[in-house]
Amino acid sequence: MSGDLPDPAPENIDGAKTVQYSHEIHHRINWGYVALGVAAILVVAYVWANVDLSGEDEEASLGGS
């Protein structure tokens, strides 16, 4: 059993972790695309709220006699 694990290196005999890891993330936001997306959402919301796509009310008002 004692032969399964190798002896630790003498400089790391206390078992301290010696692995170092560094991770960096850099973000850039293109505000032109953000403004274009917000404008598109506003246009869709305006059209959805103010345009009647079913046409039922228009047909009823034309033959209202």
C-alpha atoms as a PDB file:
ATOM      1  CA  MET A   1       0.000   0.000   0.000  1.00  0.00           C
ATOM      2  CA  SER A   2       2.752   2.453   0.812  1.00  0.00           C
ATOM      3  CA  GLY A   3       4.109   2.155  -2.738  1.00  0.00           C
ATOM      4  CA  ASP A   4       0.935   3.508  -4.391  1.00  0.00           C
ATOM      5  CA  LEU A   5       1.554   7.198  -3.730  1.00  0.00           C
ATOM      6  CA  PRO A   6       4.825   8.968  -4.504  1.00  0.00           C
ATOM      7  CA  ASP A   7       6.573  10.911  -1.782  1.00  0.00           C
ATOM      8  CA  PRO A   8       5.844  14.685  -1.842  1.00  0.00           C
ATOM      9  CA  ALA A   9       8.510  17.081  -3.057  1.00  0.00           C
ATOM     10  CA  PRO A  10      10.672  18.329  -0.156  1.00  0.00           C
ATOM     11  CA  GLU A  11       9.768  21.996  -0.809  1.00  0.00           C
ATOM     12  CA  ASN A  12       6.051  21.131  -0.470  1.00  0.00           C
ATOM     13  CA  ILE A  13       6.288  18.784   2.491  1.00  0.00           C
ATOM     14  CA  ASP A  14       3.628  20.733   4.476  1.00  0.00           C
ATOM     15  CA  GLY A  15       1.025  20.051   1.731  1.00  0.00           C
ATOM     16  CA  ALA A  16       0.321  23.663   0.813  1.00  0.00           C
ATOM     17  CA  LYS A  17      -1.444  24.190  -2.493  1.00  0.00           C
ATOM     18  CA  THR A  18       0.939  25.586  -5.094  1.00  0.00           C
ATOM     19  CA  VAL A  19      -1.378  25.845  -8.139  1.00  0.00           C
ATOM     20  CA  GLN A  20      -2.128  29.397  -9.281  1.00  0.00           C
ATOM     21  CA  TYR A  21      -5.036  30.278 -11.550  1.00  0.00           C
ATOM     22  CA  SER A  22      -5.966  33.596 -13.108  1.00  0.00           C
ATOM     23  CA  HIS A  23      -9.109  34.394 -15.105  1.00  0.00           C
ATOM     24  CA  GLU A  24     -10.022  37.749 -16.628  1.00  0.00           C
ATOM     25  CA  ILE A  25     -13.069  38.771 -18.653  1.00  0.00           C
ATOM     26  CA  HIS A  26     -13.304  42.017 -20.595  1.00  0.00           C
ATOM     27  CA  HIS A  27     -16.639  43.373 -21.870  1.00  0.00           C
ATOM     28  CA  ARG A  28     -17.380  46.098 -24.389  1.00  0.00           C
ATOM     29  CA  ILE A  29     -20.897  47.332 -25.092  1.00  0.00           C
ATOM     30  CA  ASN A  30     -21.733  48.815 -28.479  1.00  0.00           C
ATOM     31  CA  TRP A  31     -24.317  51.389 -27.385  1.00  0.00           C
ATOM     32  CA  GLY A  32     -25.496  51.885 -30.976  1.00  0.00           C
ATOM     33  CA  TYR A  33     -26.843  48.334 -31.032  1.00  0.00           C
ATOM     34  CA  VAL A  34     -28.447  48.821 -27.626  1.00  0.00           C
ATOM     35  CA  ALA A  35     -30.231  51.970 -28.863  1.00  0.00           C
ATOM     36  CA  LEU A  36     -31.341  50.180 -32.036  1.00  0.00           C
ATOM     37  CA  GLY A  37     -32.747  47.290 -30.007  1.00  0.00           C
ATOM     38  CA  VAL A  38     -34.614  49.603 -27.632  1.00  0.00           C
ATOM     39  CA  ALA A  39     -36.056  51.537 -30.597  1.00  0.00           C
ATOM     40  CA  ALA A  40     -37.201  48.293 -32.235  1.00  0.00           C
ATOM     41  CA  ILE A  41     -38.906  47.171 -29.021  1.00  0.00           C
ATOM     42  CA  LEU A  42     -40.671  50.529 -28.699  1.00  0.00           C
ATOM     43  CA  VAL A  43     -41.909  50.389 -32.304  1.00  0.00           C
ATOM     44  CA  VAL A  44     -43.241  46.860 -31.856  1.00  0.00           C
ATOM     45  CA  ALA A  45     -44.947  47.832 -28.586  1.00  0.00           C
ATOM     46  CA  TYR A  46     -46.534  50.909 -30.215  1.00  0.00           C
ATOM     47  CA  VAL A  47     -47.803  48.927 -33.197  1.00  0.00           C
ATOM     48  CA  TRP A  48     -49.105  46.132 -30.981  1.00  0.00           C
ATOM     49  CA  ALA A  49     -50.973  48.605 -28.745  1.00  0.00           C
ATOM     50  CA  ASN A  50     -52.408  50.897 -31.450  1.00  0.00           C
ATOM     51  CA  VAL A  51     -53.016  48.854 -34.600  1.00  0.00           C
ATOM     52  CA  ASP A  52     -56.023  46.578 -34.935  1.00  0.00           C
ATOM     53  CA  LEU A  53     -54.876  43.644 -37.020  1.00  0.00           C
ATOM     54  CA  SER A  54     -58.117  41.663 -36.791  1.00  0.00           C
ATOM     55  CA  GLY A  55     -60.198  44.074 -38.907  1.00  0.00           C
ATOM     56  CA  GLU A  56     -63.431  43.073 -37.140  1.00  0.00           C
ATOM     57  CA  ASP A  57     -64.325  46.596 -35.960  1.00  0.00           C
ATOM     58  CA  GLU A  58     -63.727  48.074 -39.402  1.00  0.00           C
ATOM     59  CA  GLU A  59     -66.079  45.568 -41.087  1.00  0.00           C
ATOM     60  CA  ALA A  60     -68.762  46.178 -38.480  1.00  0.00           C
ATOM     61  CA  SER A  61     -68.621  49.950 -38.940  1.00  0.00           C
ATOM     62  CA  LEU A  62     -68.850  49.705 -42.749  1.00  0.00           C
ATOM     63  CA  GLY A  63     -72.056  47.643 -42.766  1.00  0.00           C
ATOM     64  CA  GLY A  64     -73.632  49.294 -39.760  1.00  0.00           C
ATOM     65  CA  SER A  65     -77.166  49.908 -41.168  1.00  0.00           C
END
